C-alpha atoms as a PDB file:
ATOM      1  CA  MET A   1     217.453  46.020  54.652  1.00  0.00           C
ATOM      2  CA  LYS A   2     216.997  48.915  57.165  1.00  0.00           C
ATOM      3  CA  TRP A   3     213.574  49.442  56.069  1.00  0.00           C
ATOM      4  CA  PHE A   4     212.906  45.395  56.455  1.00  0.00           C
ATOM      5  CA  LEU A   5     214.549  45.488  59.907  1.00  0.00           C
ATOM      6  CA  ASP A   6     212.334  48.476  61.022  1.00  0.00           C
ATOM      7  CA  VAL A   7     209.115  46.548  59.592  1.00  0.00           C
ATOM      8  CA  LEU A   8     210.550  43.548  61.972  1.00  0.00           C
ATOM      9  CA  ARG A   9     210.974  46.018  64.705  1.00  0.00           C
ATOM     10  CA  GLY A  10     207.374  47.299  64.222  1.00  0.00           C
ATOM     11  CA  MET A  11     205.866  43.549  64.021  1.00  0.00           C
ATOM     12  CA  VAL A  12     207.655  43.070  67.664  1.00  0.00           C
ATOM     13  CA  ILE A  13     205.769  46.250  68.897  1.00  0.00           C
ATOM     14  CA  GLY A  14     202.613  44.994  67.661  1.00  0.00           C
ATOM     15  CA  LEU A  15     202.839  41.755  68.954  1.00  0.00           C
ATOM     16  CA  ALA A  16     203.661  43.456  72.422  1.00  0.00           C
ATOM     17  CA  ASN A  17     200.425  45.543  72.187  1.00  0.00           C
ATOM     18  CA  VAL A  18     198.236  42.494  71.749  1.00  0.00           C
ATOM     19  CA  ILE A  19     199.706  40.440  74.774  1.00  0.00           C
ATOM     20  CA  PRO A  20     198.334  41.431  78.250  1.00  0.00           C
ATOM     21  CA  GLY A  21     201.249  42.241  80.379  1.00  0.00           C
ATOM     22  CA  VAL A  22     203.587  43.000  77.686  1.00  0.00           C
ATOM     23  CA  SER A  23     204.257  46.910  76.997  1.00  0.00           C
ATOM     24  CA  GLY A  24     204.905  47.966  73.174  1.00  0.00           C
ATOM     25  CA  GLY A  25     206.564  50.939  74.791  1.00  0.00           C
ATOM     26  CA  THR A  26     209.087  48.676  76.446  1.00  0.00           C
ATOM     27  CA  MET A  27     209.891  46.930  72.998  1.00  0.00           C
ATOM     28  CA  MET A  28     210.423  50.274  71.618  1.00  0.00           C
ATOM     29  CA  VAL A  29     212.936  50.818  74.521  1.00  0.00           C
ATOM     30  CA  SER A  30     214.671  47.575  74.200  1.00  0.00           C
ATOM     31  CA  MET A  31     215.182  48.148  70.633  1.00  0.00           C
ATOM     32  CA  GLY A  32     216.795  51.321  70.908  1.00  0.00           C
ATOM     33  CA  ILE A  33     213.860  53.621  68.720  1.00  0.00           C
ATOM     34  CA  TYR A  34     212.071  55.027  71.898  1.00  0.00           C
ATOM     35  CA  ASP A  35     213.227  58.684  71.615  1.00  0.00           C
ATOM     36  CA  LYS A  36     213.080  58.662  67.630  1.00  0.00           C
ATOM     37  CA  LEU A  37     209.487  57.328  67.722  1.00  0.00           C
ATOM     38  CA  ILE A  38     208.362  59.849  70.083  1.00  0.00           C
ATOM     39  CA  TYR A  39     210.063  62.544  68.565  1.00  0.00           C
ATOM     40  CA  SER A  40     208.369  61.556  64.897  1.00  0.00           C
ATOM     41  CA  ILE A  41     204.793  61.232  66.590  1.00  0.00           C
ATOM     42  CA  ASN A  42     204.999  64.833  68.178  1.00  0.00           C
ATOM     43  CA  ASN A  43     206.548  66.542  64.895  1.00  0.00           C
ATOM     44  CA  LEU A  44     204.415  64.450  62.460  1.00  0.00           C
ATOM     45  CA  PHE A  45     202.391  67.496  61.280  1.00  0.00           C
ATOM     46  CA  LYS A  46     205.366  69.841  61.489  1.00  0.00           C
ATOM     47  CA  LYS A  47     207.702  67.706  59.477  1.00  0.00           C
ATOM     48  CA  PHE A  48     205.429  65.332  58.046  1.00  0.00           C
ATOM     49  CA  LYS A  49     207.610  63.924  55.152  1.00  0.00           C
ATOM     50  CA  GLU A  50     210.451  63.438  57.441  1.00  0.00           C
ATOM     51  CA  CYS A  51     208.437  61.716  60.322  1.00  0.00           C
ATOM     52  CA  ILE A  52     206.054  59.538  57.992  1.00  0.00           C
ATOM     53  CA  LYS A  53     209.169  58.161  56.345  1.00  0.00           C
ATOM     54  CA  ILE A  54     210.613  57.135  59.843  1.00  0.00           C
ATOM     55  CA  LEU A  55     207.144  56.024  61.023  1.00  0.00           C
ATOM     56  CA  LEU A  56     205.902  54.032  58.062  1.00  0.00           C
ATOM     57  CA  PRO A  57     207.936  50.992  58.168  1.00  0.00           C
ATOM     58  CA  TYR A  58     206.827  50.472  61.920  1.00  0.00           C
ATOM     59  CA  LEU A  59     203.425  51.082  61.205  1.00  0.00           C
ATOM     60  CA  VAL A  60     203.353  48.584  58.599  1.00  0.00           C
ATOM     61  CA  GLY A  61     204.928  45.944  60.853  1.00  0.00           C
ATOM     62  CA  MET A  62     202.647  46.850  63.668  1.00  0.00           C
ATOM     63  CA  GLY A  63     199.651  46.461  61.581  1.00  0.00           C
ATOM     64  CA  ILE A  64     200.701  43.062  60.266  1.00  0.00           C
ATOM     65  CA  ALA A  65     201.510  41.793  63.665  1.00  0.00           C
ATOM     66  CA  ILE A  66     198.287  43.105  65.383  1.00  0.00           C
ATOM     67  CA  ILE A  67     196.084  41.558  62.683  1.00  0.00           C
ATOM     68  CA  LEU A  68     198.009  38.162  62.655  1.00  0.00           C
ATOM     69  CA  GLY A  69     198.651  38.288  66.369  1.00  0.00           C
ATOM     70  CA  SER A  70     195.298  38.852  67.333  1.00  0.00           C
ATOM     71  CA  VAL A  71     194.149  35.241  65.597  1.00  0.00           C
ATOM     72  CA  ALA A  72     197.681  33.474  66.019  1.00  0.00           C
ATOM     73  CA  LEU A  73     198.652  34.537  69.658  1.00  0.00           C
ATOM     74  CA  LYS A  74     195.761  33.322  70.927  1.00  0.00           C
ATOM     75  CA  VAL A  75     196.484  29.675  69.761  1.00  0.00           C
ATOM     76  CA  ALA A  76     200.176  30.258  71.215  1.00  0.00           C
ATOM     77  CA  PHE A  77     199.018  31.201  74.455  1.00  0.00           C
ATOM     78  CA  GLU A  78     196.325  28.689  75.198  1.00  0.00           C
ATOM     79  CA  LYS A  79     198.703  25.848  73.964  1.00  0.00           C
ATOM     80  CA  TYR A  80     202.110  26.856  75.098  1.00  0.00           C
ATOM     81  CA  PRO A  81     201.677  29.936  77.669  1.00  0.00           C
ATOM     82  CA  LEU A  82     204.919  29.710  79.533  1.00  0.00           C
ATOM     83  CA  PRO A  83     207.498  29.296  76.339  1.00  0.00           C
ATOM     84  CA  THR A  84     205.225  31.994  74.588  1.00  0.00           C
ATOM     85  CA  ASN A  85     205.493  34.517  77.858  1.00  0.00           C
ATOM     86  CA  THR A  86     209.225  33.789  78.500  1.00  0.00           C
ATOM     87  CA  LEU A  87     209.960  34.853  74.960  1.00  0.00           C
ATOM     88  CA  PHE A  88     208.414  38.303  75.585  1.00  0.00           C
ATOM     89  CA  ILE A  89     210.429  38.335  78.923  1.00  0.00           C
ATOM     90  CA  GLY A  90     213.638  37.747  77.231  1.00  0.00           C
ATOM     91  CA  LEU A  91     212.786  40.890  75.169  1.00  0.00           C
ATOM     92  CA  ILE A  92     212.012  42.930  77.915  1.00  0.00           C
ATOM     93  CA  LEU A  93     215.424  41.902  79.834  1.00  0.00           C
ATOM     94  CA  GLY A  94     217.247  42.730  76.712  1.00  0.00           C
ATOM     95  CA  SER A  95     216.111  46.175  76.969  1.00  0.00           C
ATOM     96  CA  LEU A  96     218.053  47.009  80.338  1.00  0.00           C
ATOM     97  CA  PRO A  97     221.211  47.815  79.052  1.00  0.00           C
ATOM     98  CA  ILE A  98     220.021  50.412  76.682  1.00  0.00           C
ATOM     99  CA  ILE A  99     217.919  51.960  79.320  1.00  0.00           C
ATOM    100  CA  LEU A 100     220.896  52.095  81.753  1.00  0.00           C
ATOM    101  CA  LYS A 101     223.013  53.750  79.165  1.00  0.00           C
ATOM    102  CA  GLN A 102     220.659  56.721  79.110  1.00  0.00           C
ATOM    103  CA  ILE A 103     221.333  57.333  82.896  1.00  0.00           C
ATOM    104  CA  ARG A 104     225.094  55.887  82.762  1.00  0.00           C
ATOM    105  CA  GLY A 105     227.233  58.793  84.925  1.00  0.00           C
ATOM    106  CA  ALA A 106     224.057  60.373  86.269  1.00  0.00           C
ATOM    107  CA  ARG A 107     224.156  61.027  89.949  1.00  0.00           C
ATOM    108  CA  ILE A 108     221.347  58.743  91.407  1.00  0.00           C
ATOM    109  CA  ASN A 109     219.625  60.144  94.421  1.00  0.00           C
ATOM    110  CA  ALA A 110     216.764  59.416  96.956  1.00  0.00           C
ATOM    111  CA  ALA A 111     214.448  60.869  94.385  1.00  0.00           C
ATOM    112  CA  CYS A 112     215.455  58.475  91.480  1.00  0.00           C
ATOM    113  CA  ILE A 113     214.989  55.592  94.167  1.00  0.00           C
ATOM    114  CA  ILE A 114     211.298  56.629  94.915  1.00  0.00           C
ATOM    115  CA  ILE A 115     210.538  57.444  91.350  1.00  0.00           C
ATOM    116  CA  PHE A 116     211.784  53.728  90.392  1.00  0.00           C
ATOM    117  CA  VAL A 117     209.787  52.089  93.317  1.00  0.00           C
ATOM    118  CA  VAL A 118     206.698  54.028  92.577  1.00  0.00           C
ATOM    119  CA  PHE A 119     206.219  53.519  88.936  1.00  0.00           C
ATOM    120  CA  ALA A 120     207.470  49.633  89.659  1.00  0.00           C
ATOM    121  CA  ALA A 121     204.486  49.428  92.077  1.00  0.00           C
ATOM    122  CA  LEU A 122     202.002  51.434  89.224  1.00  0.00           C
ATOM    123  CA  VAL A 123     202.934  48.309  87.075  1.00  0.00           C
ATOM    124  CA  ILE A 124     202.520  45.403  89.588  1.00  0.00           C
ATOM    125  CA  ILE A 125     199.385  46.838  91.353  1.00  0.00           C
ATOM    126  CA  PRO A 126     197.079  46.607  88.368  1.00  0.00           C
ATOM    127  CA  LYS A 127     197.958  42.922  87.784  1.00  0.00           C
ATOM    128  CA  ALA A 128     197.745  42.256  91.522  1.00  0.00           C
ATOM    129  CA  ILE A 129     194.224  43.608  91.553  1.00  0.00           C
ATOM    130  CA  ALA A 130     193.331  41.596  88.339  1.00  0.00           C
ATOM    131  CA  ASN A 131     194.330  38.504  90.144  1.00  0.00           C
ATOM    132  CA  LYS A 132     191.684  39.208  92.769  1.00  0.00           C
ATOM    133  CA  THR A 133     188.918  40.366  90.640  1.00  0.00           C
ATOM    134  CA  LEU A 134     189.051  38.563  87.365  1.00  0.00           C
ATOM    135  CA  VAL A 135     187.051  35.494  88.064  1.00  0.00           C
ATOM    136  CA  GLY A 136     185.087  32.972  85.986  1.00  0.00           C
ATOM    137  CA  ALA A 137     184.669  34.032  82.474  1.00  0.00           C
ATOM    138  CA  ASN A 138     186.470  37.261  83.159  1.00  0.00           C
ATOM    139  CA  ALA A 139     189.597  35.749  84.110  1.00  0.00           C
ATOM    140  CA  ASN A 140     189.944  34.272  80.596  1.00  0.00           C
ATOM    141  CA  GLY A 141     189.823  37.444  78.875  1.00  0.00           C
ATOM    142  CA  GLY A 142     186.362  39.450  79.558  1.00  0.00           C
ATOM    143  CA  SER A 143     182.670  38.593  79.164  1.00  0.00           C
ATOM    144  CA  GLN A 144     181.342  41.944  78.222  1.00  0.00           C
ATOM    145  CA  ALA A 145     178.821  42.452  75.321  1.00  0.00           C
ATOM    146  CA  LEU A 146     180.038  44.205  72.507  1.00  0.00           C
ATOM    147  CA  THR A 147     176.928  46.399  72.094  1.00  0.00           C
ATOM    148  CA  LEU A 148     176.626  49.431  69.486  1.00  0.00           C
ATOM    149  CA  ASP A 149     174.708  52.275  71.404  1.00  0.00           C
ATOM    150  CA  VAL A 150     176.082  55.738  72.138  1.00  0.00           C
ATOM    151  CA  GLY A 151     177.343  54.766  75.470  1.00  0.00           C
ATOM    152  CA  HIS A 152     179.342  51.940  74.458  1.00  0.00           C
ATOM    153  CA  ILE A 153     180.837  53.746  71.294  1.00  0.00           C
ATOM    154  CA  LEU A 154     182.034  56.135  73.772  1.00  0.00           C
ATOM    155  CA  LEU A 155     183.260  53.672  75.943  1.00  0.00           C
ATOM    156  CA  TYR A 156     185.249  51.917  73.424  1.00  0.00           C
ATOM    157  CA  PHE A 157     186.894  55.275  72.379  1.00  0.00           C
ATOM    158  CA  LEU A 158     188.043  55.579  75.915  1.00  0.00           C
ATOM    159  CA  LEU A 159     189.334  52.033  76.141  1.00  0.00           C
ATOM    160  CA  GLY A 160     191.388  53.112  73.016  1.00  0.00           C
ATOM    161  CA  VAL A 161     192.722  56.150  74.793  1.00  0.00           C
ATOM    162  CA  ILE A 162     193.900  53.640  77.570  1.00  0.00           C
ATOM    163  CA  ALA A 163     195.045  51.014  75.513  1.00  0.00           C
ATOM    164  CA  SER A 164     197.450  53.619  73.741  1.00  0.00           C
ATOM    165  CA  ALA A 165     199.518  53.942  77.138  1.00  0.00           C
ATOM    166  CA  SER A 166     200.817  50.566  75.877  1.00  0.00           C
ATOM    167  CA  MET A 167     202.139  51.521  72.777  1.00  0.00           C
ATOM    168  CA  VAL A 168     203.922  54.958  74.172  1.00  0.00           C
ATOM    169  CA  ILE A 169     204.697  54.143  78.170  1.00  0.00           C
ATOM    170  CA  PRO A 170     207.124  51.402  78.707  1.00  0.00           C
ATOM    171  CA  GLY A 171     205.832  49.112  81.237  1.00  0.00           C
ATOM    172  CA  ILE A 172     202.621  49.877  80.847  1.00  0.00           C
ATOM    173  CA  SER A 173     200.134  47.048  79.127  1.00  0.00           C
ATOM    174  CA  GLY A 174     197.081  48.646  77.711  1.00  0.00           C
ATOM    175  CA  SER A 175     195.887  44.960  76.982  1.00  0.00           C
ATOM    176  CA  MET A 176     196.336  44.347  80.750  1.00  0.00           C
ATOM    177  CA  MET A 177     194.020  47.235  81.319  1.00  0.00           C
ATOM    178  CA  LEU A 178     191.735  46.011  78.455  1.00  0.00           C
ATOM    179  CA  LYS A 179     191.586  42.423  80.563  1.00  0.00           C
ATOM    180  CA  ILE A 180     191.088  44.200  83.953  1.00  0.00           C
ATOM    181  CA  PHE A 181     187.849  46.074  82.673  1.00  0.00           C
ATOM    182  CA  GLY A 182     186.800  42.716  81.058  1.00  0.00           C
ATOM    183  CA  TYR A 183     187.096  43.869  77.374  1.00  0.00           C
ATOM    184  CA  TYR A 184     190.380  42.016  76.224  1.00  0.00           C
ATOM    185  CA  GLU A 185     188.818  39.061  74.716  1.00  0.00           C
ATOM    186  CA  PRO A 186     185.856  40.703  73.108  1.00  0.00           C
ATOM    187  CA  ILE A 187     187.745  43.628  71.264  1.00  0.00           C
ATOM    188  CA  VAL A 188     191.196  41.980  70.595  1.00  0.00           C
ATOM    189  CA  THR A 189     190.149  38.106  69.661  1.00  0.00           C
ATOM    190  CA  GLN A 190     186.609  38.580  69.212  1.00  0.00           C
ATOM    191  CA  ALA A 191     186.113  41.795  67.076  1.00  0.00           C
ATOM    192  CA  LEU A 192     189.560  42.020  65.660  1.00  0.00           C
ATOM    193  CA  GLY A 193     190.536  38.434  65.444  1.00  0.00           C
ATOM    194  CA  GLY A 194     187.122  37.233  64.500  1.00  0.00           C
ATOM    195  CA  THR A 195     186.651  39.652  61.850  1.00  0.00           C
ATOM    196  CA  PHE A 196     189.940  38.115  59.828  1.00  0.00           C
ATOM    197  CA  LYS A 197     189.673  34.543  61.045  1.00  0.00           C
ATOM    198  CA  ASP A 198     185.917  34.111  60.908  1.00  0.00           C
ATOM    199  CA  ALA A 199     183.680  36.819  59.536  1.00  0.00           C
ATOM    200  CA  ILE A 200     185.512  37.662  56.254  1.00  0.00           C
ATOM    201  CA  PRO A 201     186.317  34.154  55.140  1.00  0.00           C
ATOM    202  CA  SER A 202     182.376  33.201  55.710  1.00  0.00           C
ATOM    203  CA  GLY A 203     181.242  36.343  54.008  1.00  0.00           C
ATOM    204  CA  ASN A 204     179.207  37.368  57.071  1.00  0.00           C
ATOM    205  CA  TRP A 205     179.268  41.064  56.356  1.00  0.00           C
ATOM    206  CA  ASP A 206     176.528  42.175  59.050  1.00  0.00           C
ATOM    207  CA  LEU A 207     179.335  40.840  61.673  1.00  0.00           C
ATOM    208  CA  VAL A 208     182.117  42.509  59.726  1.00  0.00           C
ATOM    209  CA  LEU A 209     180.209  45.918  60.054  1.00  0.00           C
ATOM    210  CA  HIS A 210     179.196  45.205  63.612  1.00  0.00           C
ATOM    211  CA  ASN A 211     182.977  44.675  64.441  1.00  0.00           C
ATOM    212  CA  LEU A 212     184.211  47.892  62.646  1.00  0.00           C
ATOM    213  CA  GLY A 213     181.296  49.596  64.753  1.00  0.00           C
ATOM    214  CA  VAL A 214     183.596  48.655  67.868  1.00  0.00           C
ATOM    215  CA  LEU A 215     187.035  48.771  66.408  1.00  0.00           C
ATOM    216  CA  LEU A 216     186.771  52.224  64.501  1.00  0.00           C
ATOM    217  CA  PRO A 217     186.115  54.272  67.671  1.00  0.00           C
ATOM    218  CA  PHE A 218     188.404  52.045  69.626  1.00  0.00           C
ATOM    219  CA  ALA A 219     191.149  52.729  66.929  1.00  0.00           C
ATOM    220  CA  VAL A 220     190.186  56.540  67.190  1.00  0.00           C
ATOM    221  CA  GLY A 221     190.881  56.459  71.043  1.00  0.00           C
ATOM    222  CA  ILE A 222     194.045  54.937  70.319  1.00  0.00           C
ATOM    223  CA  VAL A 223     195.251  57.562  67.885  1.00  0.00           C
ATOM    224  CA  VAL A 224     194.104  60.286  70.214  1.00  0.00           C
ATOM    225  CA  GLY A 225     195.721  58.681  73.319  1.00  0.00           C
ATOM    226  CA  ILE A 226     199.391  58.093  71.281  1.00  0.00           C
ATOM    227  CA  PHE A 227     199.668  61.983  70.804  1.00  0.00           C
ATOM    228  CA  GLY A 228     198.682  63.009  73.922  1.00  0.00           C
ATOM    229  CA  VAL A 229     200.716  60.732  75.834  1.00  0.00           C
ATOM    230  CA  ALA A 230     203.760  61.187  73.410  1.00  0.00           C
ATOM    231  CA  LYS A 231     203.729  64.998  74.330  1.00  0.00           C
ATOM    232  CA  LEU A 232     203.775  64.260  77.802  1.00  0.00           C
ATOM    233  CA  ILE A 233     206.692  61.874  77.320  1.00  0.00           C
ATOM    234  CA  GLU A 234     208.856  64.251  75.245  1.00  0.00           C
ATOM    235  CA  PHE A 235     208.286  66.949  77.772  1.00  0.00           C
ATOM    236  CA  LEU A 236     209.554  64.946  80.633  1.00  0.00           C
ATOM    237  CA  LEU A 237     212.392  63.722  78.742  1.00  0.00           C
ATOM    238  CA  LYS A 238     213.707  67.133  78.106  1.00  0.00           C
ATOM    239  CA  LYS A 239     212.949  68.496  81.468  1.00  0.00           C
ATOM    240  CA  TRP A 240     213.757  65.749  83.851  1.00  0.00           C
ATOM    241  CA  LYS A 241     215.623  63.148  81.875  1.00  0.00           C
ATOM    242  CA  VAL A 242     217.410  60.952  84.473  1.00  0.00           C
ATOM    243  CA  TYR A 243     214.031  61.015  86.800  1.00  0.00           C
ATOM    244  CA  THR A 244     212.021  60.046  83.613  1.00  0.00           C
ATOM    245  CA  TYR A 245     214.301  57.116  82.573  1.00  0.00           C
ATOM    246  CA  CYS A 246     214.367  55.910  86.253  1.00  0.00           C
ATOM    247  CA  GLY A 247     210.501  55.775  86.162  1.00  0.00           C
ATOM    248  CA  ILE A 248     210.777  53.910  82.733  1.00  0.00           C
ATOM    249  CA  LEU A 249     213.239  51.622  84.411  1.00  0.00           C
ATOM    250  CA  GLY A 250     211.120  50.564  87.305  1.00  0.00           C
ATOM    251  CA  MET A 251     208.163  50.212  85.076  1.00  0.00           C
ATOM    252  CA  VAL A 252     210.452  48.006  82.284  1.00  0.00           C
ATOM    253  CA  ILE A 253     211.574  45.667  85.418  1.00  0.00           C
ATOM    254  CA  ALA A 254     208.427  45.255  86.664  1.00  0.00           C
ATOM    255  CA  SER A 255     206.857  43.903  83.597  1.00  0.00           C
ATOM    256  CA  PRO A 256     208.361  40.257  83.638  1.00  0.00           C
ATOM    257  CA  VAL A 257     207.162  40.302  87.339  1.00  0.00           C
ATOM    258  CA  VAL A 258     203.661  41.194  85.873  1.00  0.00           C
ATOM    259  CA  ILE A 259     203.670  38.372  83.277  1.00  0.00           C
ATOM    260  CA  LEU A 260     204.837  35.701  85.735  1.00  0.00           C
ATOM    261  CA  MET A 261     202.214  36.561  88.124  1.00  0.00           C
ATOM    262  CA  ASP A 262     199.579  35.027  85.959  1.00  0.00           C
ATOM    263  CA  ARG A 263     198.608  31.900  87.492  1.00  0.00           C
ATOM    264  CA  SER A 264     197.297  30.029  84.369  1.00  0.00           C
ATOM    265  CA  LEU A 265     200.946  30.033  83.007  1.00  0.00           C
ATOM    266  CA  TYR A 266     201.738  27.130  85.073  1.00  0.00           C
ATOM    267  CA  GLU A 267     198.976  24.804  84.443  1.00  0.00           C
ATOM    268  CA  GLY A 268     200.377  21.390  83.113  1.00  0.00           C
ATOM    269  CA  PHE A 269     203.987  22.562  83.910  1.00  0.00           C
ATOM    270  CA  ASN A 270     206.466  19.796  83.343  1.00  0.00           C
ATOM    271  CA  ALA A 271     210.326  19.290  82.675  1.00  0.00           C
ATOM    272  CA  VAL A 272     209.967  19.750  78.877  1.00  0.00           C
ATOM    273  CA  ILE A 273     207.986  23.225  79.154  1.00  0.00           C
ATOM    274  CA  GLY A 274     210.679  24.287  81.680  1.00  0.00           C
ATOM    275  CA  ILE A 275     213.462  23.718  79.283  1.00  0.00           C
ATOM    276  CA  VAL A 276     211.469  25.079  76.374  1.00  0.00           C
ATOM    277  CA  SER A 277     210.660  28.090  78.313  1.00  0.00           C
ATOM    278  CA  VAL A 278     214.493  28.608  79.304  1.00  0.00           C
ATOM    279  CA  VAL A 279     215.180  28.393  75.559  1.00  0.00           C
ATOM    280  CA  THR A 280     212.843  31.071  74.386  1.00  0.00           C
ATOM    281  CA  LEU A 281     213.723  33.510  77.192  1.00  0.00           C
ATOM    282  CA  ALA A 282     217.388  33.069  75.873  1.00  0.00           C
ATOM    283  CA  LEU A 283     216.139  33.726  72.257  1.00  0.00           C
ATOM    284  CA  GLY A 284     214.219  36.568  73.417  1.00  0.00           C
ATOM    285  CA  VAL A 285     217.309  38.127  74.875  1.00  0.00           C
ATOM    286  CA  PHE A 286     219.229  37.497  71.500  1.00  0.00           C
ATOM    287  CA  VAL A 287     216.592  38.842  69.544  1.00  0.00           C
ATOM    288  CA  ALA A 288     216.491  42.143  71.686  1.00  0.00           C
ATOM    289  CA  PHE A 289     220.228  42.351  71.069  1.00  0.00           C
ATOM    290  CA  LYS A 290     219.879  41.775  67.325  1.00  0.00           C
ATOM    291  CA  LEU A 291     217.079  44.257  66.920  1.00  0.00           C
ATOM    292  CA  GLY A 292     218.199  46.751  69.663  1.00  0.00           C
ATOM    293  CA  GLY A 293     221.903  48.356  69.824  1.00  0.00           C
ATOM    294  CA  ASP A 294     222.682  52.065  70.344  1.00  0.00           C
ATOM    295  CA  PRO A 295     219.875  54.312  70.589  1.00  0.00           C
ATOM    296  CA  GLU A 296     219.168  56.358  67.193  1.00  0.00           C
ATOM    297  CA  PRO A 297     219.673  59.748  67.558  1.00  0.00           C
ATOM    298  CA  VAL A 298     216.827  62.263  66.416  1.00  0.00           C
ATOM    299  CA  LYS A 299     217.212  65.203  64.520  1.00  0.00           C
ATOM    300  CA  GLU A 300     215.931  68.631  65.938  1.00  0.00           C
END
């Protein structure tokens, strides 16, 4: 049962990683597994058997959700954008009690407040920039061509490093960064979703190979970024735990704001959509509590 629940938690993280404005790291915090996963990533080569046993169900769930999400979420966001987003806002809001437990009893000083505000701004500002700069075709997720030359392959690797922030740092959406650069739609739904939805079923192996040429350097970048950022996060949690969680709290609280800043969510809004959105918001909070709980300890 625990393994199955961990797969489900991994699926929630995977879905969050393909949604612009939603952070996979936030979902880890919301389910009380953030410290444990950071520890397992950083000690994977030192304690391989122990750490892979912890990580495997989450990786399985993430893999399933990312593949299915790249296809299904595109439809959900196109047809039901506001209720879909409020579901994830509910998941994010459900994470707040767990974060607050991490700093319960600590003295909150001016430095904590400044860190909270700065990190909240770091989440909101990129979305504000996106609202100003994403116009026309780019506003719908990017119109960049996926060519396979040395320069672009290096770019896909760097984009993977940037996107990995979504998996490790709560509140930071790697998918939103891709959207700002104009590569969200091409990489997530075109290359990844298109491979499983169109290219493989139709036997278009040339397109499959082309998409793999894009996705492989992107995936390598994600792996490199995850290990690099995880090391930094572990160091910060050990040395300045309260300050680190103040920053995380700022990013998590800012995440729903970022989601609701998307003007396209309100197109065709009516009373029914409003009611359904409230229901999905409540469902998200409920799921967060069921999948969450007290943070699980790690073995040093």
